[in-house]
Amino acid sequence: MSYGLFRGDEHIYTYNYKHVAEKQASTLGSEFYVRELTFEEYYKRMKEIYVEGKYK
């Protein structure tokens, strides 16, 4: 499973471990949250980063 760090609807970062993602979210502030990514969301994000070069 993969977990996404979000601020509002914006996907900020992807983590492999939930506890790491939750720790980062708590460090950044209350507007950040973590949720499990579906396979489709994960695949779309990886395609954006590695194929389309849209890493942010």
N, C-alpha and C. Protein backbone atom coordinates (compact mmCIF):
# COMPACT_ATOMS: atom_id res chain seq x y z
N MET A 1 0.83 -1.18 0.00
CA MET A 1 0.00 0.00 0.00
C MET A 1 0.88 1.25 0.00
N SER A 2 0.35 2.29 -0.58
CA SER A 2 1.01 3.59 -0.57
C SER A 2 0.07 4.61 0.04
N TYR A 3 0.68 5.62 0.63
CA TYR A 3 -0.09 6.65 1.32
C TYR A 3 0.30 8.01 0.78
N GLY A 4 -0.70 8.84 0.57
CA GLY A 4 -0.46 10.16 0.03
C GLY A 4 -0.58 11.22 1.11
N LEU A 5 0.29 12.20 1.04
CA LEU A 5 0.22 13.37 1.89
C LEU A 5 -0.50 14.45 1.08
N PHE A 6 -1.57 14.98 1.62
CA PHE A 6 -2.40 15.94 0.91
C PHE A 6 -2.55 17.23 1.70
N ARG A 7 -2.75 18.31 0.95
CA ARG A 7 -3.17 19.59 1.51
C ARG A 7 -4.36 20.01 0.67
N GLY A 8 -5.54 19.93 1.26
CA GLY A 8 -6.75 20.14 0.48
C GLY A 8 -6.89 19.01 -0.52
N ASP A 9 -7.05 19.35 -1.79
CA ASP A 9 -7.12 18.34 -2.85
C ASP A 9 -5.78 18.07 -3.51
N GLU A 10 -4.75 18.81 -3.11
CA GLU A 10 -3.45 18.70 -3.75
C GLU A 10 -2.63 17.56 -3.14
N HIS A 11 -2.18 16.66 -4.00
CA HIS A 11 -1.32 15.54 -3.59
C HIS A 11 0.10 16.05 -3.53
N ILE A 12 0.66 16.08 -2.33
CA ILE A 12 1.98 16.65 -2.10
C ILE A 12 3.10 15.61 -2.28
N TYR A 13 2.93 14.43 -1.67
CA TYR A 13 4.00 13.44 -1.67
C TYR A 13 3.41 12.05 -1.45
N THR A 14 4.15 11.03 -1.87
CA THR A 14 3.72 9.64 -1.70
C THR A 14 4.71 8.92 -0.80
N TYR A 15 4.17 8.18 0.17
CA TYR A 15 4.99 7.41 1.10
C TYR A 15 4.60 5.93 1.03
N ASN A 16 5.56 5.06 1.34
CA ASN A 16 5.29 3.63 1.39
C ASN A 16 4.78 3.19 2.76
N TYR A 17 5.05 3.98 3.78
CA TYR A 17 4.68 3.60 5.14
C TYR A 17 3.76 4.64 5.76
N LYS A 18 2.67 4.16 6.32
CA LYS A 18 1.66 5.06 6.88
C LYS A 18 2.21 5.87 8.05
N HIS A 19 2.98 5.23 8.94
CA HIS A 19 3.47 5.95 10.11
C HIS A 19 4.42 7.09 9.72
N VAL A 20 5.16 6.93 8.65
CA VAL A 20 6.06 7.98 8.18
C VAL A 20 5.24 9.15 7.63
N ALA A 21 4.23 8.82 6.84
CA ALA A 21 3.37 9.86 6.27
C ALA A 21 2.64 10.63 7.36
N GLU A 22 2.13 9.92 8.37
CA GLU A 22 1.42 10.58 9.46
C GLU A 22 2.35 11.47 10.29
N LYS A 23 3.57 11.04 10.49
CA LYS A 23 4.55 11.84 11.21
C LYS A 23 4.84 13.14 10.45
N GLN A 24 5.02 13.02 9.14
CA GLN A 24 5.29 14.20 8.32
C GLN A 24 4.09 15.15 8.34
N ALA A 25 2.89 14.63 8.24
CA ALA A 25 1.68 15.46 8.26
C ALA A 25 1.55 16.19 9.59
N SER A 26 1.83 15.52 10.68
CA SER A 26 1.71 16.16 11.98
C SER A 26 2.79 17.24 12.17
N THR A 27 3.94 17.04 11.55
CA THR A 27 5.00 18.03 11.62
C THR A 27 4.66 19.28 10.81
N LEU A 28 4.00 19.09 9.68
CA LEU A 28 3.70 20.22 8.78
C LEU A 28 2.52 21.07 9.24
N GLY A 29 1.56 20.47 9.91
CA GLY A 29 0.44 21.27 10.40
C GLY A 29 -0.91 20.64 10.13
N SER A 30 -1.93 21.29 10.66
CA SER A 30 -3.28 20.71 10.63
C SER A 30 -3.92 20.70 9.25
N GLU A 31 -3.42 21.49 8.30
CA GLU A 31 -4.03 21.49 6.97
C GLU A 31 -3.58 20.30 6.12
N PHE A 32 -2.60 19.53 6.60
CA PHE A 32 -2.12 18.35 5.90
C PHE A 32 -2.77 17.10 6.47
N TYR A 33 -3.07 16.15 5.58
CA TYR A 33 -3.64 14.88 6.03
C TYR A 33 -3.13 13.73 5.17
N VAL A 34 -3.30 12.52 5.65
CA VAL A 34 -2.81 11.32 4.98
C VAL A 34 -3.99 10.41 4.68
N ARG A 35 -3.94 9.80 3.50
CA ARG A 35 -4.91 8.76 3.19
C ARG A 35 -4.28 7.75 2.26
N GLU A 36 -4.83 6.55 2.28
CA GLU A 36 -4.32 5.48 1.43
C GLU A 36 -4.66 5.78 -0.02
N LEU A 37 -3.71 5.54 -0.90
CA LEU A 37 -3.93 5.77 -2.32
C LEU A 37 -4.48 4.51 -2.98
N THR A 38 -5.41 4.69 -3.88
CA THR A 38 -5.87 3.57 -4.69
C THR A 38 -4.79 3.25 -5.72
N PHE A 39 -4.88 2.10 -6.32
CA PHE A 39 -3.90 1.73 -7.34
C PHE A 39 -3.92 2.75 -8.49
N GLU A 40 -5.11 3.17 -8.89
CA GLU A 40 -5.24 4.12 -9.99
C GLU A 40 -4.59 5.46 -9.66
N GLU A 41 -4.79 5.95 -8.43
CA GLU A 41 -4.16 7.21 -8.01
C GLU A 41 -2.64 7.08 -8.00
N TYR A 42 -2.16 5.97 -7.46
CA TYR A 42 -0.71 5.74 -7.40
C TYR A 42 -0.12 5.67 -8.80
N TYR A 43 -0.75 4.92 -9.68
CA TYR A 43 -0.26 4.77 -11.05
C TYR A 43 -0.26 6.12 -11.77
N LYS A 44 -1.32 6.89 -11.61
CA LYS A 44 -1.41 8.21 -12.25
C LYS A 44 -0.28 9.12 -11.76
N ARG A 45 -0.03 9.11 -10.46
CA ARG A 45 1.01 9.96 -9.87
C ARG A 45 2.40 9.56 -10.38
N MET A 46 2.68 8.26 -10.40
CA MET A 46 3.98 7.80 -10.87
C MET A 46 4.17 8.11 -12.36
N LYS A 47 3.11 8.01 -13.14
CA LYS A 47 3.17 8.36 -14.56
C LYS A 47 3.48 9.84 -14.73
N GLU A 48 2.85 10.69 -13.95
CA GLU A 48 3.11 12.13 -14.01
C GLU A 48 4.57 12.43 -13.71
N ILE A 49 5.12 11.76 -12.71
CA ILE A 49 6.48 12.04 -12.27
C ILE A 49 7.51 11.49 -13.26
N TYR A 50 7.39 10.20 -13.59
CA TYR A 50 8.45 9.55 -14.35
C TYR A 50 8.29 9.60 -15.86
N VAL A 51 7.09 9.69 -16.37
CA VAL A 51 6.88 9.70 -17.81
C VAL A 51 6.71 11.12 -18.32
N GLU A 52 5.87 11.89 -17.65
CA GLU A 52 5.56 13.23 -18.13
C GLU A 52 6.47 14.31 -17.53
N GLY A 53 7.28 13.93 -16.55
CA GLY A 53 8.23 14.87 -15.96
C GLY A 53 7.59 16.00 -15.17
N LYS A 54 6.48 15.72 -14.52
CA LYS A 54 5.75 16.76 -13.76
C LYS A 54 6.04 16.68 -12.28
N TYR A 55 7.27 16.33 -11.91
CA TYR A 55 7.61 16.23 -10.50
C TYR A 55 7.58 17.61 -9.87
N LYS A 56 6.92 17.69 -8.70
CA LYS A 56 6.90 18.99 -8.00
C LYS A 56 7.33 18.81 -6.58
